[in-house]
Amino acid sequence: MSVWGASPLADVLIDAKPGFACGDDPQDGVFQFRMNNVTTEGEFDFSKKRRVPRETGHLDTYLLQAGDVLFNATNSPELVGKSAFFPGYEEPAVFSNHFLRLRPRPDRLDGRFLARWLMLQFQRRVFQGMCRQWVNQATVGRDSLLGMHLPVPPLAQQQRIAETLDRAESLRAKRRSALAQLDTLTQSLFLDLFGDPATNPRGWPLVPIHEIGTVITGNTPSRDKAEYFGSAIEWIKSDNINTPYYYLTKASEGLSAIGKSVARTAPANSILVTCIAGSPDCIGNAAMTDREVAFNQQINALVPHRGDPHFIYAQLRVGKRIIRRASTDGMKGMGAPPTTIPRATATSNGSIAA
């Protein structure tokens, strides 16, 4: 088994440059990467593009070049650290002040390898633990990032590792796409059978949420007490919900038996909903539980005691706009489950009969 030496990140980079803020969005400007353009899977999303004026001072010093890595240094705590390899783009591109542009030394470090290593730390919540946090945002300092040690195998081996991981990610992306298409089909069938819960065009009587279940808001046991954290129960965060999967994904962190006693938990067949998030698009995302879990304060759980839980879950998925309408629309959206939903959810078999 090969043993690779570890080097401080600063030693294998040419530079680590922060971007700049700009409130303008001229139609003929230069494309600027912003937080929403990098996904939690380490991919680029070009569905929303903002631009900056071409006459912005020293714009050339912020241009990205093929081989760079974008590190999202400032965001909400659960999103700090998402990173992406930049292979080049069809037009010049710069980046916002929420990112650090990491430019590897070509003789020491492969950019794809670096991006994969950073994403591994992101998935392990390493950056969340390094954050300096205030009301709306959190950040990982440049010096803290550059002081991290990463394994540096020979360059050819880095490239082989990156290629293998790229192929694996391609397969995962295809699976996510298939699940998303299946979810779209499920929602279309639901709308055909029962109508849109957000507009209730068929005029079903509405029932208060509290008549069909109990709503529980999650919490975070004190980080100052190490004994609260362990493996007695999973501690769910919004990234376990904001996926195309029907059920919650496995949490990366857990609580001890003592931690569970001070946490908020939900049993199997509950519905967990993201109600606070760094991105408004995540507000209202939902997933079913197939096991007992604890969960943090960004999440509300609906524990049904009347009606079919899976039917209620389907209605919340289709009626996501109801929850988003309750959002504060601040940097962090804040929403809550709807206070009322069509009466069809209260029946045991999903029947629309009154």
Protein backbone atom coordinates (compact mmCIF):
# COMPACT_ATOMS: atom_id res chain seq x y z
CA MET A 1 0.00 0.00 0.00
CA SER A 2 1.41 3.39 -1.00
CA VAL A 3 2.04 6.00 1.69
CA TRP A 4 1.80 9.55 0.40
CA GLY A 5 3.31 12.56 2.07
CA ALA A 6 1.00 15.37 3.11
CA SER A 7 1.67 19.02 2.29
CA PRO A 8 0.04 22.25 3.44
CA LEU A 9 -2.31 23.44 0.75
CA ALA A 10 -0.34 26.70 0.55
CA ASP A 11 2.74 24.79 -0.65
CA VAL A 12 1.04 23.30 -3.72
CA LEU A 13 -0.81 26.40 -4.96
CA ILE A 14 0.30 29.32 -7.08
CA ASP A 15 -2.27 31.51 -5.37
CA ALA A 16 -5.62 31.58 -3.52
CA LYS A 17 -7.40 34.75 -4.57
CA PRO A 18 -10.77 36.01 -3.28
CA GLY A 19 -13.27 37.37 -5.77
CA PHE A 20 -15.19 40.64 -5.68
CA ALA A 21 -18.74 41.81 -5.04
CA CYS A 22 -20.83 43.62 -7.62
CA GLY A 23 -24.49 44.55 -7.54
CA ASP A 24 -24.77 45.41 -11.23
CA ASP A 25 -25.96 42.91 -13.83
CA PRO A 26 -25.43 44.41 -17.31
CA GLN A 27 -26.66 42.31 -20.19
CA ASP A 28 -23.38 42.68 -22.09
CA GLY A 29 -21.15 42.17 -19.04
CA VAL A 30 -18.69 39.42 -18.09
CA PHE A 31 -20.13 36.27 -16.52
CA GLN A 32 -19.45 36.03 -12.78
CA PHE A 33 -19.70 32.79 -10.83
CA ARG A 34 -21.89 33.17 -7.76
CA MET A 35 -22.89 30.81 -4.95
CA ASN A 36 -25.80 29.24 -6.85
CA ASN A 37 -23.54 28.32 -9.77
CA VAL A 38 -21.76 25.58 -7.77
CA THR A 39 -23.83 22.62 -6.59
CA THR A 40 -23.37 20.50 -3.48
CA GLU A 41 -22.17 17.70 -5.80
CA GLY A 42 -19.24 19.82 -6.98
CA GLU A 43 -20.73 20.55 -10.39
CA PHE A 44 -21.50 23.82 -12.19
CA ASP A 45 -25.07 25.06 -12.64
CA PHE A 46 -25.48 27.67 -15.37
CA SER A 47 -29.26 28.00 -15.12
CA LYS A 48 -28.91 31.47 -13.53
CA LYS A 49 -26.13 33.71 -14.77
CA ARG A 50 -25.17 37.14 -13.43
CA ARG A 51 -22.76 39.52 -15.11
CA VAL A 52 -20.47 42.36 -14.09
CA PRO A 53 -19.50 45.48 -16.09
CA ARG A 54 -16.60 44.97 -18.47
CA GLU A 55 -15.04 48.20 -17.25
CA THR A 56 -14.68 46.83 -13.69
CA GLY A 57 -11.18 47.70 -12.47
CA HIS A 58 -8.48 45.01 -12.74
CA LEU A 59 -11.03 42.55 -14.12
CA ASP A 60 -8.28 40.54 -15.79
CA THR A 61 -6.83 39.59 -12.39
CA TYR A 62 -10.09 37.78 -11.52
CA LEU A 63 -10.39 35.74 -14.72
CA LEU A 64 -10.62 31.98 -14.31
CA GLN A 65 -8.43 29.70 -16.37
CA ALA A 66 -8.75 25.98 -17.08
CA GLY A 67 -7.39 23.98 -14.16
CA ASP A 68 -8.50 26.40 -11.43
CA VAL A 69 -10.68 25.28 -8.52
CA LEU A 70 -13.44 27.43 -7.01
CA PHE A 71 -13.82 27.08 -3.23
CA ASN A 72 -17.00 28.51 -1.74
CA ALA A 73 -15.51 30.17 1.36
CA THR A 74 -18.61 32.13 2.45
CA ASN A 75 -22.16 30.80 2.55
CA SER A 76 -24.59 29.36 5.09
CA PRO A 77 -22.70 26.93 7.39
CA GLU A 78 -23.88 23.73 5.74
CA LEU A 79 -22.82 24.99 2.28
CA VAL A 80 -19.41 26.46 3.07
CA GLY A 81 -16.70 24.47 1.33
CA LYS A 82 -18.52 23.20 -1.75
CA SER A 83 -15.97 23.29 -4.54
CA ALA A 84 -15.70 22.70 -8.27
CA PHE A 85 -12.96 22.15 -10.83
CA PHE A 86 -13.02 24.69 -13.67
CA PRO A 87 -12.25 22.97 -17.01
CA GLY A 88 -12.74 26.15 -19.02
CA TYR A 89 -15.85 27.83 -20.41
CA GLU A 90 -17.22 29.19 -23.66
CA GLU A 91 -16.70 32.80 -22.54
CA PRO A 92 -14.46 34.65 -20.04
CA ALA A 93 -15.60 34.22 -16.44
CA VAL A 94 -14.77 35.81 -13.09
CA PHE A 95 -15.99 34.99 -9.57
CA SER A 96 -17.70 36.67 -6.63
CA ASN A 97 -16.29 37.49 -3.20
CA HIS A 98 -17.92 34.32 -1.81
CA PHE A 99 -15.24 32.24 -3.53
CA LEU A 100 -11.52 31.67 -3.36
CA ARG A 101 -9.89 30.85 -6.69
CA LEU A 102 -7.34 28.13 -6.04
CA ARG A 103 -4.71 27.82 -8.75
CA PRO A 104 -2.62 24.63 -8.36
CA ARG A 105 1.07 24.43 -9.13
CA PRO A 106 1.01 22.34 -12.34
CA ASP A 107 4.09 20.36 -11.35
CA ARG A 108 2.69 19.38 -7.93
CA LEU A 109 -1.09 19.25 -7.93
CA ASP A 110 -3.88 18.26 -10.35
CA GLY A 111 -6.91 20.56 -10.10
CA ARG A 112 -9.43 17.74 -10.43
CA PHE A 113 -7.71 15.85 -7.62
CA LEU A 114 -7.79 18.98 -5.44
CA ALA A 115 -11.49 19.56 -6.13
CA ARG A 116 -12.33 15.95 -5.22
CA TRP A 117 -10.32 16.20 -2.00
CA LEU A 118 -12.05 19.45 -1.04
CA MET A 119 -15.47 17.92 -1.75
CA LEU A 120 -14.60 14.97 0.47
CA GLN A 121 -13.87 17.38 3.32
CA PHE A 122 -17.12 19.21 2.53
CA GLN A 123 -19.12 15.98 2.70
CA ARG A 124 -17.45 15.09 5.99
CA ARG A 125 -18.48 18.49 7.42
CA VAL A 126 -14.86 19.49 8.03
CA PHE A 127 -15.43 23.02 6.76
CA GLN A 128 -18.61 23.45 8.78
CA GLY A 129 -16.52 22.76 11.87
CA MET A 130 -13.92 25.35 10.77
CA CYS A 131 -16.45 28.12 10.13
CA ARG A 132 -16.55 31.51 11.74
CA GLN A 133 -20.29 32.18 11.91
CA TRP A 134 -22.49 35.23 12.33
CA VAL A 135 -26.19 35.92 11.80
CA ASN A 136 -26.67 35.17 8.12
CA GLN A 137 -23.40 33.68 6.94
CA ALA A 138 -20.37 31.64 7.86
CA THR A 139 -16.90 31.61 6.40
CA VAL A 140 -13.70 29.59 6.31
CA GLY A 141 -10.74 31.96 6.46
CA ARG A 142 -8.15 31.90 3.71
CA ASP A 143 -5.29 31.20 6.13
CA SER A 144 -7.20 28.34 7.77
CA LEU A 145 -7.82 26.74 4.39
CA LEU A 146 -4.22 27.15 3.24
CA GLY A 147 -2.99 25.57 6.46
CA MET A 148 -4.85 22.33 5.80
CA HIS A 149 -2.69 19.34 4.87
CA LEU A 150 -3.65 17.15 1.93
CA PRO A 151 -2.05 13.97 0.56
CA VAL A 152 0.10 14.63 -2.50
CA PRO A 153 0.76 11.42 -4.46
CA PRO A 154 2.74 11.62 -7.71
CA LEU A 155 0.99 13.75 -10.32
CA ALA A 156 0.22 10.82 -12.64
CA GLN A 157 -1.43 8.97 -9.75
CA GLN A 158 -3.46 12.06 -8.84
CA GLN A 159 -4.76 12.14 -12.39
CA ARG A 160 -5.72 8.45 -12.34
CA ILE A 161 -7.55 8.92 -9.02
CA ALA A 162 -9.40 11.96 -10.36
CA GLU A 163 -10.43 10.11 -13.54
CA THR A 164 -11.77 7.18 -11.51
CA LEU A 165 -13.74 9.51 -9.25
CA ASP A 166 -15.05 11.43 -12.27
CA ARG A 167 -16.41 8.19 -13.75
CA ALA A 168 -18.05 7.28 -10.44
CA GLU A 169 -19.63 10.74 -10.18
CA SER A 170 -20.93 10.40 -13.74
CA LEU A 171 -22.76 7.22 -12.74
CA ARG A 172 -24.19 8.92 -9.63
CA ALA A 173 -25.34 11.86 -11.75
CA LYS A 174 -27.18 9.51 -14.12
CA ARG A 175 -28.87 7.88 -11.14
CA ARG A 176 -29.91 11.28 -9.75
CA SER A 177 -31.30 12.21 -13.14
CA ALA A 178 -33.33 9.00 -13.33
CA LEU A 179 -34.71 9.57 -9.83
CA ALA A 180 -35.59 13.16 -10.68
CA GLN A 181 -37.50 12.00 -13.78
CA LEU A 182 -39.35 9.41 -11.72
CA ASP A 183 -40.20 12.07 -9.13
CA THR A 184 -41.52 14.33 -11.89
CA LEU A 185 -43.71 11.50 -13.17
CA THR A 186 -45.02 10.83 -9.66
CA GLN A 187 -45.89 14.48 -9.16
CA SER A 188 -47.64 14.62 -12.55
CA LEU A 189 -49.77 11.60 -11.65
CA PHE A 190 -50.63 13.15 -8.30
CA LEU A 191 -51.74 16.39 -9.97
CA ASP A 192 -53.89 14.46 -12.45
CA LEU A 193 -55.61 12.52 -9.67
CA PHE A 194 -55.97 15.13 -6.94
CA GLY A 195 -55.16 18.58 -8.33
CA ASP A 196 -52.57 21.09 -7.15
CA PRO A 197 -52.54 21.43 -3.33
CA ALA A 198 -51.19 24.98 -3.65
CA THR A 199 -54.28 26.21 -5.53
CA ASN A 200 -56.81 23.49 -4.63
CA PRO A 201 -58.72 23.89 -7.94
CA ARG A 202 -61.15 21.10 -7.02
CA GLY A 203 -62.21 22.86 -3.87
CA TRP A 204 -61.42 20.13 -1.35
CA PRO A 205 -62.21 21.15 2.24
CA LEU A 206 -59.08 22.21 4.11
CA VAL A 207 -57.94 20.72 7.40
CA PRO A 208 -55.40 22.21 9.82
CA ILE A 209 -52.08 20.41 9.94
CA HIS A 210 -52.50 19.78 13.67
CA GLU A 211 -55.56 17.62 12.91
CA ILE A 212 -53.51 15.14 10.92
CA GLY A 213 -50.20 15.20 12.77
CA THR A 214 -47.75 16.82 15.14
CA VAL A 215 -45.16 19.34 13.92
CA ILE A 216 -41.76 19.26 15.66
CA THR A 217 -38.95 21.75 15.09
CA GLY A 218 -35.47 20.27 15.38
CA ASN A 219 -32.59 21.55 17.50
CA THR A 220 -28.83 21.36 17.94
CA PRO A 221 -27.46 19.92 21.19
CA SER A 222 -24.69 22.07 22.65
CA ARG A 223 -21.42 21.70 20.75
CA ASP A 224 -19.63 22.48 24.00
CA LYS A 225 -20.61 19.07 25.33
CA ALA A 226 -18.73 16.39 23.44
CA GLU A 227 -20.69 13.70 25.25
CA TYR A 228 -23.80 14.69 23.27
CA PHE A 229 -22.33 13.38 20.02
CA GLY A 230 -21.89 9.73 19.10
CA SER A 231 -23.62 6.93 17.22
CA ALA A 232 -26.84 6.19 19.12
CA ILE A 233 -29.00 8.00 16.55
CA GLU A 234 -28.45 9.83 13.25
CA TRP A 235 -28.60 13.62 13.40
CA ILE A 236 -30.20 14.78 10.14
CA LYS A 237 -29.34 18.07 8.43
CA SER A 238 -30.91 19.71 5.41
CA ASP A 239 -28.47 18.09 2.98
CA ASN A 240 -30.05 14.72 3.86
CA ILE A 241 -33.38 16.12 2.62
CA ASN A 242 -32.36 18.31 -0.33
CA THR A 243 -31.86 15.33 -2.63
CA PRO A 244 -33.92 13.51 -5.28
CA TYR A 245 -34.30 10.54 -2.93
CA TYR A 246 -37.65 9.50 -1.43
CA TYR A 247 -36.16 8.65 1.97
CA LEU A 248 -33.60 10.58 3.98
CA THR A 249 -29.99 9.89 3.09
CA LYS A 250 -27.71 8.68 5.88
CA ALA A 251 -26.47 11.45 8.16
CA SER A 252 -22.74 12.09 8.45
CA GLU A 253 -23.04 12.90 12.15
CA GLY A 254 -24.82 11.25 15.06
CA LEU A 255 -25.79 11.82 18.66
CA SER A 256 -25.07 9.75 21.74
CA ALA A 257 -27.80 8.39 24.00
CA ILE A 258 -27.35 11.47 26.21
CA GLY A 259 -27.47 13.72 23.15
CA LYS A 260 -30.65 12.04 21.98
CA SER A 261 -32.28 12.85 25.34
CA VAL A 262 -31.89 16.59 24.69
CA ALA A 263 -32.55 16.44 20.93
CA ARG A 264 -35.79 16.44 18.95
CA THR A 265 -36.57 13.14 17.23
CA ALA A 266 -39.09 11.79 14.76
CA PRO A 267 -40.13 8.15 14.25
CA ALA A 268 -40.28 6.19 11.01
CA ASN A 269 -43.02 7.31 8.59
CA SER A 270 -42.57 10.96 9.52
CA ILE A 271 -42.02 13.68 6.92
CA LEU A 272 -39.04 16.02 7.35
CA VAL A 273 -39.20 19.42 5.64
CA THR A 274 -36.41 21.96 5.09
CA CYS A 275 -37.72 25.26 6.45
CA ILE A 276 -34.48 27.27 6.84
CA ALA A 277 -31.81 27.20 4.14
CA GLY A 278 -29.09 29.25 2.52
CA SER A 279 -30.91 28.94 -0.81
CA PRO A 280 -34.65 29.75 -1.14
CA ASP A 281 -34.91 26.90 -3.67
CA CYS A 282 -34.35 24.43 -0.82
CA ILE A 283 -37.26 25.72 1.27
CA GLY A 284 -40.04 23.13 1.27
CA ASN A 285 -37.90 20.17 0.23
CA ALA A 286 -39.16 17.04 1.96
CA ALA A 287 -38.18 13.44 2.59
CA MET A 288 -39.71 10.45 4.38
CA THR A 289 -38.14 8.75 7.36
CA ASP A 290 -37.76 4.98 7.34
CA ARG A 291 -36.13 4.99 10.80
CA GLU A 292 -36.10 7.10 13.94
CA VAL A 293 -33.84 10.15 13.55
CA ALA A 294 -32.87 13.35 15.33
CA PHE A 295 -32.68 16.55 13.29
CA ASN A 296 -31.49 20.15 13.48
CA GLN A 297 -33.34 23.46 13.74
CA GLN A 298 -33.43 24.03 9.98
CA ILE A 299 -35.96 21.23 9.73
CA ASN A 300 -39.56 20.69 10.78
CA ALA A 301 -40.94 17.18 11.13
CA LEU A 302 -44.58 16.27 10.55
CA VAL A 303 -45.49 13.12 12.46
CA PRO A 304 -48.86 11.99 11.03
CA HIS A 305 -51.44 10.42 13.32
CA ARG A 306 -54.26 10.50 10.77
CA GLY A 307 -54.17 9.53 7.10
CA ASP A 308 -51.58 7.76 5.00
CA PRO A 309 -48.10 9.26 5.64
CA HIS A 310 -46.93 8.61 2.08
CA PHE A 311 -49.93 10.40 0.63
CA ILE A 312 -49.31 13.39 2.91
CA TYR A 313 -45.66 13.36 1.87
CA ALA A 314 -46.65 13.37 -1.82
CA GLN A 315 -48.91 16.35 -1.24
CA LEU A 316 -46.15 18.29 0.52
CA ARG A 317 -43.75 17.50 -2.32
CA VAL A 318 -46.22 18.64 -4.96
CA GLY A 319 -47.36 21.62 -2.87
CA LYS A 320 -43.86 22.90 -2.08
CA ARG A 321 -44.95 26.41 -3.11
CA ILE A 322 -47.23 26.59 -0.06
CA ILE A 323 -44.23 26.36 2.24
CA ARG A 324 -42.09 28.69 0.15
CA ARG A 325 -44.81 31.35 0.31
CA ALA A 326 -44.25 31.43 4.08
CA SER A 327 -40.54 32.15 3.60
CA THR A 328 -39.08 35.44 4.81
CA ASP A 329 -37.13 35.69 1.53
CA GLY A 330 -34.05 36.81 3.42
CA MET A 331 -30.58 35.44 2.72
CA LYS A 332 -31.77 32.42 4.64
CA GLY A 333 -35.31 31.52 3.68
CA MET A 334 -37.47 30.65 6.64
CA GLY A 335 -40.65 28.71 6.12
CA ALA A 336 -43.03 26.41 7.91
CA PRO A 337 -45.38 23.63 6.90
CA PRO A 338 -48.71 24.95 5.64
CA THR A 339 -51.29 25.54 8.35
CA THR A 340 -53.96 23.85 6.24
CA ILE A 341 -53.99 21.26 3.47
CA PRO A 342 -56.81 19.70 1.43
CA ARG A 343 -58.93 17.22 3.32
CA ALA A 344 -57.97 14.40 0.96
CA THR A 345 -54.78 13.96 2.98
CA ALA A 346 -56.77 13.01 6.05
CA THR A 347 -58.12 9.80 4.58
CA SER A 348 -56.36 6.55 5.29
CA ASN A 349 -56.00 5.44 1.69
CA GLY A 350 -55.44 8.73 -0.16
CA SER A 351 -59.02 8.76 -1.46
CA ILE A 352 -60.37 12.11 -2.60
CA ALA A 353 -63.83 11.24 -1.40
CA ALA A 354 -65.15 13.82 1.07
